[in-house]
Amino acid sequence: MNKITYYKTVSIVFFIVSMAHLLRNIYGWDVYIGDLYVPEWVSWVVVVFIGYLSIRGFKFLKR
């Protein structure tokens, strides 16, 4: 796998994960890992951080 394919794949995966967390916040879906409830603020952090990584990956591809 070359760099371009790697960055494209990772950027798309990060975008999908970020959108899934955004949808979780919009629709109020509950997330449990075992018996542990994951609060919504965690998803907001993930949306910002993973969304940023996705944007940076796509910008890298334009160069």
N, C-alpha and C. Protein backbone atom coordinates (compact mmCIF):
# COMPACT_ATOMS: atom_id res chain seq x y z
N MET A 1 0.85 -1.17 0.00
CA MET A 1 0.00 0.00 0.00
C MET A 1 0.89 1.24 0.00
N ASN A 2 0.66 2.11 -0.95
CA ASN A 2 1.47 3.33 -1.00
C ASN A 2 0.87 4.41 -0.10
N LYS A 3 1.58 5.52 0.01
CA LYS A 3 1.15 6.60 0.92
C LYS A 3 -0.20 7.19 0.53
N ILE A 4 -0.42 7.40 -0.75
CA ILE A 4 -1.67 8.02 -1.19
C ILE A 4 -2.86 7.15 -0.83
N THR A 5 -2.77 5.86 -1.09
CA THR A 5 -3.85 4.94 -0.75
C THR A 5 -4.06 4.88 0.75
N TYR A 6 -2.97 4.88 1.51
CA TYR A 6 -3.07 4.85 2.97
C TYR A 6 -3.79 6.09 3.49
N TYR A 7 -3.38 7.27 3.07
CA TYR A 7 -4.00 8.50 3.56
C TYR A 7 -5.47 8.59 3.14
N LYS A 8 -5.78 8.15 1.93
CA LYS A 8 -7.16 8.18 1.47
C LYS A 8 -8.02 7.24 2.31
N THR A 9 -7.53 6.03 2.57
CA THR A 9 -8.27 5.05 3.35
C THR A 9 -8.48 5.53 4.79
N VAL A 10 -7.42 6.01 5.41
CA VAL A 10 -7.50 6.48 6.79
C VAL A 10 -8.42 7.70 6.91
N SER A 11 -8.34 8.60 5.95
CA SER A 11 -9.19 9.80 5.99
C SER A 11 -10.66 9.43 5.86
N ILE A 12 -10.97 8.47 5.00
CA ILE A 12 -12.35 8.04 4.84
C ILE A 12 -12.86 7.34 6.10
N VAL A 13 -12.03 6.48 6.68
CA VAL A 13 -12.43 5.80 7.92
C VAL A 13 -12.65 6.81 9.04
N PHE A 14 -11.74 7.77 9.18
CA PHE A 14 -11.90 8.80 10.21
C PHE A 14 -13.16 9.62 9.98
N PHE A 15 -13.47 9.93 8.72
CA PHE A 15 -14.68 10.68 8.40
C PHE A 15 -15.92 9.88 8.80
N ILE A 16 -15.95 8.60 8.50
CA ILE A 16 -17.10 7.76 8.84
C ILE A 16 -17.28 7.67 10.36
N VAL A 17 -16.20 7.49 11.09
CA VAL A 17 -16.27 7.42 12.56
C VAL A 17 -16.75 8.74 13.13
N SER A 18 -16.24 9.84 12.60
CA SER A 18 -16.65 11.16 13.08
C SER A 18 -18.14 11.39 12.82
N MET A 19 -18.61 11.03 11.64
CA MET A 19 -20.03 11.20 11.31
C MET A 19 -20.92 10.29 12.17
N ALA A 20 -20.44 9.09 12.47
CA ALA A 20 -21.21 8.19 13.34
C ALA A 20 -21.39 8.80 14.73
N HIS A 21 -20.33 9.40 15.25
CA HIS A 21 -20.44 10.03 16.57
C HIS A 21 -21.31 11.28 16.51
N LEU A 22 -21.25 12.02 15.41
CA LEU A 22 -22.11 13.18 15.26
C LEU A 22 -23.58 12.75 15.21
N LEU A 23 -23.88 11.70 14.47
CA LEU A 23 -25.24 11.17 14.42
C LEU A 23 -25.70 10.68 15.78
N ARG A 24 -24.78 10.08 16.53
CA ARG A 24 -25.11 9.63 17.88
C ARG A 24 -25.57 10.81 18.73
N ASN A 25 -24.88 11.94 18.62
CA ASN A 25 -25.26 13.12 19.41
C ASN A 25 -26.55 13.75 18.92
N ILE A 26 -26.75 13.78 17.62
CA ILE A 26 -27.97 14.39 17.08
C ILE A 26 -29.21 13.59 17.46
N TYR A 27 -29.12 12.26 17.33
CA TYR A 27 -30.29 11.42 17.59
C TYR A 27 -30.38 10.92 19.04
N GLY A 28 -29.36 11.21 19.85
CA GLY A 28 -29.40 10.85 21.26
C GLY A 28 -29.25 9.36 21.53
N TRP A 29 -28.55 8.65 20.65
CA TRP A 29 -28.33 7.22 20.85
C TRP A 29 -27.46 6.99 22.08
N ASP A 30 -27.80 5.97 22.85
CA ASP A 30 -26.99 5.58 24.00
C ASP A 30 -25.92 4.58 23.57
N VAL A 31 -24.74 4.70 24.16
CA VAL A 31 -23.65 3.77 23.87
C VAL A 31 -23.18 3.18 25.19
N TYR A 32 -23.13 1.86 25.21
CA TYR A 32 -22.63 1.12 26.36
C TYR A 32 -21.49 0.22 25.91
N ILE A 33 -20.45 0.20 26.71
CA ILE A 33 -19.36 -0.75 26.51
C ILE A 33 -19.39 -1.65 27.73
N GLY A 34 -19.95 -2.84 27.55
CA GLY A 34 -20.22 -3.69 28.69
C GLY A 34 -21.30 -3.03 29.54
N ASP A 35 -21.00 -2.77 30.79
CA ASP A 35 -21.94 -2.08 31.67
C ASP A 35 -21.64 -0.58 31.78
N LEU A 36 -20.62 -0.12 31.10
CA LEU A 36 -20.18 1.27 31.19
C LEU A 36 -20.89 2.12 30.16
N TYR A 37 -21.57 3.17 30.63
CA TYR A 37 -22.24 4.12 29.74
C TYR A 37 -21.24 5.16 29.26
N VAL A 38 -21.19 5.40 27.97
CA VAL A 38 -20.30 6.41 27.40
C VAL A 38 -21.09 7.70 27.26
N PRO A 39 -20.70 8.76 28.00
CA PRO A 39 -21.46 10.02 27.94
C PRO A 39 -21.34 10.69 26.58
N GLU A 40 -22.30 11.56 26.28
CA GLU A 40 -22.33 12.22 24.97
C GLU A 40 -21.16 13.17 24.77
N TRP A 41 -20.63 13.74 25.84
CA TRP A 41 -19.51 14.66 25.67
C TRP A 41 -18.30 13.96 25.07
N VAL A 42 -18.17 12.66 25.32
CA VAL A 42 -17.06 11.91 24.73
C VAL A 42 -17.20 11.90 23.21
N SER A 43 -18.44 11.75 22.72
CA SER A 43 -18.66 11.76 21.28
C SER A 43 -18.35 13.13 20.68
N TRP A 44 -18.63 14.21 21.42
CA TRP A 44 -18.29 15.54 20.90
C TRP A 44 -16.77 15.69 20.76
N VAL A 45 -16.04 15.17 21.73
CA VAL A 45 -14.57 15.21 21.65
C VAL A 45 -14.09 14.40 20.45
N VAL A 46 -14.69 13.24 20.24
CA VAL A 46 -14.32 12.39 19.11
C VAL A 46 -14.65 13.08 17.78
N VAL A 47 -15.81 13.72 17.70
CA VAL A 47 -16.20 14.42 16.47
C VAL A 47 -15.15 15.48 16.13
N VAL A 48 -14.74 16.25 17.10
CA VAL A 48 -13.78 17.33 16.84
C VAL A 48 -12.41 16.75 16.49
N PHE A 49 -11.92 15.83 17.29
CA PHE A 49 -10.56 15.31 17.11
C PHE A 49 -10.44 14.46 15.84
N ILE A 50 -11.30 13.48 15.69
CA ILE A 50 -11.23 12.60 14.53
C ILE A 50 -11.63 13.36 13.26
N GLY A 51 -12.57 14.29 13.38
CA GLY A 51 -12.92 15.13 12.24
C GLY A 51 -11.73 15.94 11.77
N TYR A 52 -10.97 16.47 12.71
CA TYR A 52 -9.76 17.23 12.38
C TYR A 52 -8.75 16.34 11.65
N LEU A 53 -8.55 15.12 12.16
CA LEU A 53 -7.61 14.21 11.51
C LEU A 53 -8.06 13.86 10.09
N SER A 54 -9.36 13.71 9.92
CA SER A 54 -9.89 13.42 8.59
C SER A 54 -9.64 14.58 7.63
N ILE A 55 -9.91 15.79 8.08
CA ILE A 55 -9.69 16.98 7.25
C ILE A 55 -8.22 17.11 6.89
N ARG A 56 -7.35 16.90 7.86
CA ARG A 56 -5.91 16.99 7.60
C ARG A 56 -5.47 15.94 6.58
N GLY A 57 -6.04 14.75 6.66
CA GLY A 57 -5.70 13.70 5.71
C GLY A 57 -6.13 14.06 4.30
N PHE A 58 -7.34 14.60 4.16
CA PHE A 58 -7.81 15.00 2.84
C PHE A 58 -7.00 16.18 2.29
N LYS A 59 -6.60 17.10 3.17
CA LYS A 59 -5.78 18.22 2.72
C LYS A 59 -4.41 17.73 2.27
N PHE A 60 -3.88 16.73 2.95
CA PHE A 60 -2.59 16.16 2.57
C PHE A 60 -2.68 15.55 1.16
N LEU A 61 -3.81 14.96 0.84
CA LEU A 61 -3.97 14.34 -0.48
C LEU A 61 -4.00 15.37 -1.60
N LYS A 62 -4.43 16.59 -1.31
CA LYS A 62 -4.49 17.63 -2.33
C LYS A 62 -3.11 18.14 -2.71
N ARG A 63 -2.12 17.94 -1.84
CA ARG A 63 -0.77 18.43 -2.13
C ARG A 63 -0.10 17.60 -3.18
